[in-house]
Amino acid sequence: MITTIAAIAAMPRIAAGNAYWRLTSGRAYILFSTMKPIASALIAALLLLSAAGCGSGSTSSSTATRGGETVKMTEYEFIPDRLTVKRGATINVANEGQIAHNLTVEQGPNPRRQSKELAGTSSFLPGRSETLRLDLRPGRYVMACTVPGHRELGMVGLLTVK
């Protein structure tokens, strides 16, 4: 597809040894086909930048496996979405999704409504993991991702501490 843009160009002319400028009407063409290489380069740069942030995981992931429990985060869900642990347990929280997530433990009781935050991880990128120590009294709690919009999309779960 070709788009035409009217342009005025100054053209040098020589008359009897004296230079003067004559304005002429011309047309400038922008080819959308020239945008393809630019768009491809931008996409490649974005992919490289996002891959640079993904590593083999944080250094704390090895200590988390000793805790026993792992919660995986993908787009808008926790796996498992119901978890039972002992007081003082350490769990591994792994982001296996495509975007940043977090796991926040709240007082509850309704997972769809925000309540008092008791523990949680920071928001972190895909391919990474963090450990979370749950030194909570026995009871039922809510797990939620507090990244804006994720709770509303169903990224919630229940946590029982025995």
C-alpha atoms as a PDB file:
ATOM      1  CA  MET A   1       0.000   0.000   0.000  1.00  0.00           C
ATOM      2  CA  ILE A   2       1.361   3.420  -0.954  1.00  0.00           C
ATOM      3  CA  THR A   3       0.376   6.647   0.756  1.00  0.00           C
ATOM      4  CA  THR A   4       1.085   9.951  -0.962  1.00  0.00           C
ATOM      5  CA  ILE A   5       1.996  13.066   0.977  1.00  0.00           C
ATOM      6  CA  ALA A   6       2.168  16.414  -0.811  1.00  0.00           C
ATOM      7  CA  ALA A   7       5.476  18.159  -0.290  1.00  0.00           C
ATOM      8  CA  ILE A   8       7.164  21.327  -1.424  1.00  0.00           C
ATOM      9  CA  ALA A   9      10.832  21.025  -2.254  1.00  0.00           C
ATOM     10  CA  ALA A  10      13.328  23.783  -2.833  1.00  0.00           C
ATOM     11  CA  MET A  11      15.278  23.143  -6.014  1.00  0.00           C
ATOM     12  CA  PRO A  12      18.458  25.084  -6.831  1.00  0.00           C
ATOM     13  CA  ARG A  13      18.510  26.638 -10.305  1.00  0.00           C
ATOM     14  CA  ILE A  14      21.249  28.545 -12.042  1.00  0.00           C
ATOM     15  CA  ALA A  15      20.440  31.398 -14.390  1.00  0.00           C
ATOM     16  CA  ALA A  16      23.155  33.505 -15.955  1.00  0.00           C
ATOM     17  CA  GLY A  17      25.668  32.402 -13.348  1.00  0.00           C
ATOM     18  CA  ASN A  18      23.486  33.371 -10.366  1.00  0.00           C
ATOM     19  CA  ALA A  19      21.993  30.690  -8.111  1.00  0.00           C
ATOM     20  CA  TYR A  20      18.409  31.082  -7.058  1.00  0.00           C
ATOM     21  CA  TRP A  21      15.821  28.781  -5.483  1.00  0.00           C
ATOM     22  CA  ARG A  22      12.613  27.826  -7.136  1.00  0.00           C
ATOM     23  CA  LEU A  23       9.883  26.104  -5.184  1.00  0.00           C
ATOM     24  CA  THR A  24       8.428  23.143  -6.946  1.00  0.00           C
ATOM     25  CA  SER A  25       5.583  20.936  -5.997  1.00  0.00           C
ATOM     26  CA  GLY A  26       6.526  17.311  -5.582  1.00  0.00           C
ATOM     27  CA  ARG A  27       5.249  14.180  -3.973  1.00  0.00           C
ATOM     28  CA  ALA A  28       6.806  12.112  -1.212  1.00  0.00           C
ATOM     29  CA  TYR A  29       5.955   8.416  -0.966  1.00  0.00           C
ATOM     30  CA  ILE A  30       5.859   6.326   2.152  1.00  0.00           C
ATOM     31  CA  LEU A  31       5.834   2.622   1.480  1.00  0.00           C
ATOM     32  CA  PHE A  32       4.267   0.510   4.188  1.00  0.00           C
ATOM     33  CA  SER A  33       6.457  -2.354   3.011  1.00  0.00           C
ATOM     34  CA  THR A  34       9.423  -0.464   4.492  1.00  0.00           C
ATOM     35  CA  MET A  35       7.730  -0.713   7.893  1.00  0.00           C
ATOM     36  CA  LYS A  36       8.023  -4.523   7.923  1.00  0.00           C
ATOM     37  CA  PRO A  37      11.786  -4.607   8.635  1.00  0.00           C
ATOM     38  CA  ILE A  38      11.364  -1.934  11.298  1.00  0.00           C
ATOM     39  CA  ALA A  39       8.528  -3.839  13.009  1.00  0.00           C
ATOM     40  CA  SER A  40      10.527  -7.076  12.839  1.00  0.00           C
ATOM     41  CA  ALA A  41      13.528  -5.379  14.452  1.00  0.00           C
ATOM     42  CA  LEU A  42      11.361  -3.950  17.244  1.00  0.00           C
ATOM     43  CA  ILE A  43       9.778  -7.332  17.966  1.00  0.00           C
ATOM     44  CA  ALA A  44      13.196  -9.016  18.032  1.00  0.00           C
ATOM     45  CA  ALA A  45      14.505  -6.365  20.446  1.00  0.00           C
ATOM     46  CA  LEU A  46      11.510  -6.836  22.766  1.00  0.00           C
ATOM     47  CA  LEU A  47      11.974 -10.592  22.768  1.00  0.00           C
ATOM     48  CA  LEU A  48      15.662 -10.223  23.605  1.00  0.00           C
ATOM     49  CA  LEU A  49      14.878  -7.825  26.447  1.00  0.00           C
ATOM     50  CA  SER A  50      12.243 -10.124  27.923  1.00  0.00           C
ATOM     51  CA  ALA A  51      14.551 -13.147  27.610  1.00  0.00           C
ATOM     52  CA  ALA A  52      17.335 -11.247  29.382  1.00  0.00           C
ATOM     53  CA  GLY A  53      15.135 -10.978  32.486  1.00  0.00           C
ATOM     54  CA  CYS A  54      14.466 -14.714  32.570  1.00  0.00           C
ATOM     55  CA  GLY A  55      17.088 -16.768  34.317  1.00  0.00           C
ATOM     56  CA  SER A  56      17.369 -20.196  35.781  1.00  0.00           C
ATOM     57  CA  GLY A  57      15.553 -18.980  38.872  1.00  0.00           C
ATOM     58  CA  SER A  58      16.517 -17.254  42.056  1.00  0.00           C
ATOM     59  CA  THR A  59      19.121 -18.601  44.432  1.00  0.00           C
ATOM     60  CA  SER A  60      16.443 -19.277  47.021  1.00  0.00           C
ATOM     61  CA  SER A  61      14.748 -21.955  44.906  1.00  0.00           C
ATOM     62  CA  SER A  62      17.091 -24.702  46.106  1.00  0.00           C
ATOM     63  CA  THR A  63      16.192 -24.068  49.739  1.00  0.00           C
ATOM     64  CA  ALA A  64      12.499 -24.158  48.871  1.00  0.00           C
ATOM     65  CA  THR A  65      12.592 -27.723  47.638  1.00  0.00           C
ATOM     66  CA  ARG A  66      13.658 -28.777  51.120  1.00  0.00           C
ATOM     67  CA  GLY A  67      10.390 -27.250  52.405  1.00  0.00           C
ATOM     68  CA  GLY A  68       8.422 -29.786  50.423  1.00  0.00           C
ATOM     69  CA  GLU A  69       5.488 -27.813  49.016  1.00  0.00           C
ATOM     70  CA  THR A  70       5.529 -26.010  45.661  1.00  0.00           C
ATOM     71  CA  VAL A  71       2.896 -23.654  44.323  1.00  0.00           C
ATOM     72  CA  LYS A  72       3.078 -22.996  40.580  1.00  0.00           C
ATOM     73  CA  MET A  73       1.677 -19.795  39.128  1.00  0.00           C
ATOM     74  CA  THR A  74       0.433 -19.631  35.564  1.00  0.00           C
ATOM     75  CA  GLU A  75      -1.922 -17.199  33.915  1.00  0.00           C
ATOM     76  CA  TYR A  76      -4.591 -16.516  36.477  1.00  0.00           C
ATOM     77  CA  GLU A  77      -4.331 -19.675  38.583  1.00  0.00           C
ATOM     78  CA  PHE A  78      -2.359 -21.287  41.372  1.00  0.00           C
ATOM     79  CA  ILE A  79      -1.501 -24.984  41.106  1.00  0.00           C
ATOM     80  CA  PRO A  80      -2.632 -26.341  43.510  1.00  0.00           C
ATOM     81  CA  ASP A  81      -5.346 -23.829  44.375  1.00  0.00           C
ATOM     82  CA  ARG A  82      -5.927 -25.520  47.767  1.00  0.00           C
ATOM     83  CA  LEU A  83      -2.910 -26.091  49.965  1.00  0.00           C
ATOM     84  CA  THR A  84      -2.497 -27.502  53.492  1.00  0.00           C
ATOM     85  CA  VAL A  85       0.763 -26.912  55.385  1.00  0.00           C
ATOM     86  CA  LYS A  86       2.094 -27.042  58.925  1.00  0.00           C
ATOM     87  CA  ARG A  87       2.792 -23.857  60.868  1.00  0.00           C
ATOM     88  CA  GLY A  88       6.248 -22.529  60.009  1.00  0.00           C
ATOM     89  CA  ALA A  89       6.389 -24.345  56.665  1.00  0.00           C
ATOM     90  CA  THR A  90       8.417 -22.939  53.796  1.00  0.00           C
ATOM     91  CA  ILE A  91       6.941 -23.257  50.326  1.00  0.00           C
ATOM     92  CA  ASN A  92       8.471 -22.729  46.911  1.00  0.00           C
ATOM     93  CA  VAL A  93       6.501 -20.344  44.687  1.00  0.00           C
ATOM     94  CA  ALA A  94       7.386 -20.761  40.997  1.00  0.00           C
ATOM     95  CA  ASN A  95       6.187 -18.488  38.202  1.00  0.00           C
ATOM     96  CA  GLU A  96       5.574 -20.739  35.196  1.00  0.00           C
ATOM     97  CA  GLY A  97       3.369 -18.224  33.416  1.00  0.00           C
ATOM     98  CA  GLN A  98       4.169 -15.654  30.752  1.00  0.00           C
ATOM     99  CA  ILE A  99       3.850 -12.507  32.909  1.00  0.00           C
ATOM    100  CA  ALA A 100       4.745 -11.335  36.420  1.00  0.00           C
ATOM    101  CA  HIS A 101       2.771 -12.765  39.355  1.00  0.00           C
ATOM    102  CA  ASN A 102       2.946 -12.916  43.147  1.00  0.00           C
ATOM    103  CA  LEU A 103       1.456 -15.008  45.917  1.00  0.00           C
ATOM    104  CA  THR A 104      -0.057 -13.044  48.784  1.00  0.00           C
ATOM    105  CA  VAL A 105      -1.571 -14.707  51.851  1.00  0.00           C
ATOM    106  CA  GLU A 106      -4.513 -12.756  53.262  1.00  0.00           C
ATOM    107  CA  GLN A 107      -6.740 -13.107  56.284  1.00  0.00           C
ATOM    108  CA  GLY A 108      -9.809 -13.905  54.187  1.00  0.00           C
ATOM    109  CA  PRO A 109     -12.365 -15.461  54.312  1.00  0.00           C
ATOM    110  CA  ASN A 110     -13.523 -14.511  50.773  1.00  0.00           C
ATOM    111  CA  PRO A 111     -10.771 -14.998  48.153  1.00  0.00           C
ATOM    112  CA  ARG A 112     -12.512 -12.626  45.700  1.00  0.00           C
ATOM    113  CA  ARG A 113     -12.288  -9.676  48.122  1.00  0.00           C
ATOM    114  CA  GLN A 114      -9.063  -8.090  49.311  1.00  0.00           C
ATOM    115  CA  SER A 115      -8.381  -8.429  53.031  1.00  0.00           C
ATOM    116  CA  LYS A 116      -5.495  -7.934  55.454  1.00  0.00           C
ATOM    117  CA  GLU A 117      -2.154  -9.119  54.019  1.00  0.00           C
ATOM    118  CA  LEU A 118      -0.318 -11.551  56.315  1.00  0.00           C
ATOM    119  CA  ALA A 119       2.557 -12.841  54.161  1.00  0.00           C
ATOM    120  CA  GLY A 120       3.577 -12.934  50.527  1.00  0.00           C
ATOM    121  CA  THR A 121       6.179 -12.824  47.815  1.00  0.00           C
ATOM    122  CA  SER A 122       7.090  -9.860  45.686  1.00  0.00           C
ATOM    123  CA  SER A 123       5.860  -9.783  42.101  1.00  0.00           C
ATOM    124  CA  PHE A 124       8.398 -11.613  39.976  1.00  0.00           C
ATOM    125  CA  LEU A 125       8.993 -12.538  36.358  1.00  0.00           C
ATOM    126  CA  PRO A 126       8.365 -15.839  34.564  1.00  0.00           C
ATOM    127  CA  GLY A 127      10.955 -18.575  35.022  1.00  0.00           C
ATOM    128  CA  ARG A 128      11.826 -17.437  38.518  1.00  0.00           C
ATOM    129  CA  SER A 129      10.878 -18.684  41.970  1.00  0.00           C
ATOM    130  CA  GLU A 130      10.839 -17.400  45.524  1.00  0.00           C
ATOM    131  CA  THR A 131      10.437 -19.001  48.908  1.00  0.00           C
ATOM    132  CA  LEU A 132       7.726 -18.060  51.352  1.00  0.00           C
ATOM    133  CA  ARG A 133       7.829 -18.920  55.057  1.00  0.00           C
ATOM    134  CA  LEU A 134       4.348 -19.343  56.514  1.00  0.00           C
ATOM    135  CA  ASP A 135       4.573 -18.679  60.227  1.00  0.00           C
ATOM    136  CA  LEU A 136       0.823 -18.342  60.686  1.00  0.00           C
ATOM    137  CA  ARG A 137      -1.536 -19.620  63.363  1.00  0.00           C
ATOM    138  CA  PRO A 138      -3.577 -22.679  62.430  1.00  0.00           C
ATOM    139  CA  GLY A 139      -6.574 -21.677  60.360  1.00  0.00           C
ATOM    140  CA  ARG A 140      -7.879 -20.989  56.876  1.00  0.00           C
ATOM    141  CA  TYR A 141      -6.426 -18.228  54.748  1.00  0.00           C
ATOM    142  CA  VAL A 142      -6.695 -16.839  51.223  1.00  0.00           C
ATOM    143  CA  MET A 143      -4.005 -17.011  48.523  1.00  0.00           C
ATOM    144  CA  ALA A 144      -4.286 -14.296  45.876  1.00  0.00           C
ATOM    145  CA  CYS A 145      -2.188 -12.651  43.203  1.00  0.00           C
ATOM    146  CA  THR A 146      -2.315  -8.928  43.903  1.00  0.00           C
ATOM    147  CA  VAL A 147      -1.073  -7.827  40.479  1.00  0.00           C
ATOM    148  CA  PRO A 148      -3.899  -5.537  39.296  1.00  0.00           C
ATOM    149  CA  GLY A 149      -6.687  -7.530  37.662  1.00  0.00           C
ATOM    150  CA  HIS A 150      -5.349 -11.015  38.433  1.00  0.00           C
ATOM    151  CA  ARG A 151      -7.606 -11.661  41.456  1.00  0.00           C
ATOM    152  CA  GLU A 152     -10.622 -10.654  39.361  1.00  0.00           C
ATOM    153  CA  LEU A 153      -9.544 -13.113  36.661  1.00  0.00           C
ATOM    154  CA  GLY A 154      -9.605 -15.972  39.188  1.00  0.00           C
ATOM    155  CA  MET A 155      -6.021 -16.111  40.458  1.00  0.00           C
ATOM    156  CA  VAL A 156      -7.035 -17.084  44.004  1.00  0.00           C
ATOM    157  CA  GLY A 157      -6.811 -20.124  46.245  1.00  0.00           C
ATOM    158  CA  LEU A 158      -7.229 -21.387  49.794  1.00  0.00           C
ATOM    159  CA  LEU A 159      -4.492 -22.105  52.317  1.00  0.00           C
ATOM    160  CA  THR A 160      -4.981 -24.169  55.471  1.00  0.00           C
ATOM    161  CA  VAL A 161      -2.372 -24.065  58.241  1.00  0.00           C
ATOM    162  CA  LYS A 162      -2.471 -26.932  60.747  1.00  0.00           C
END
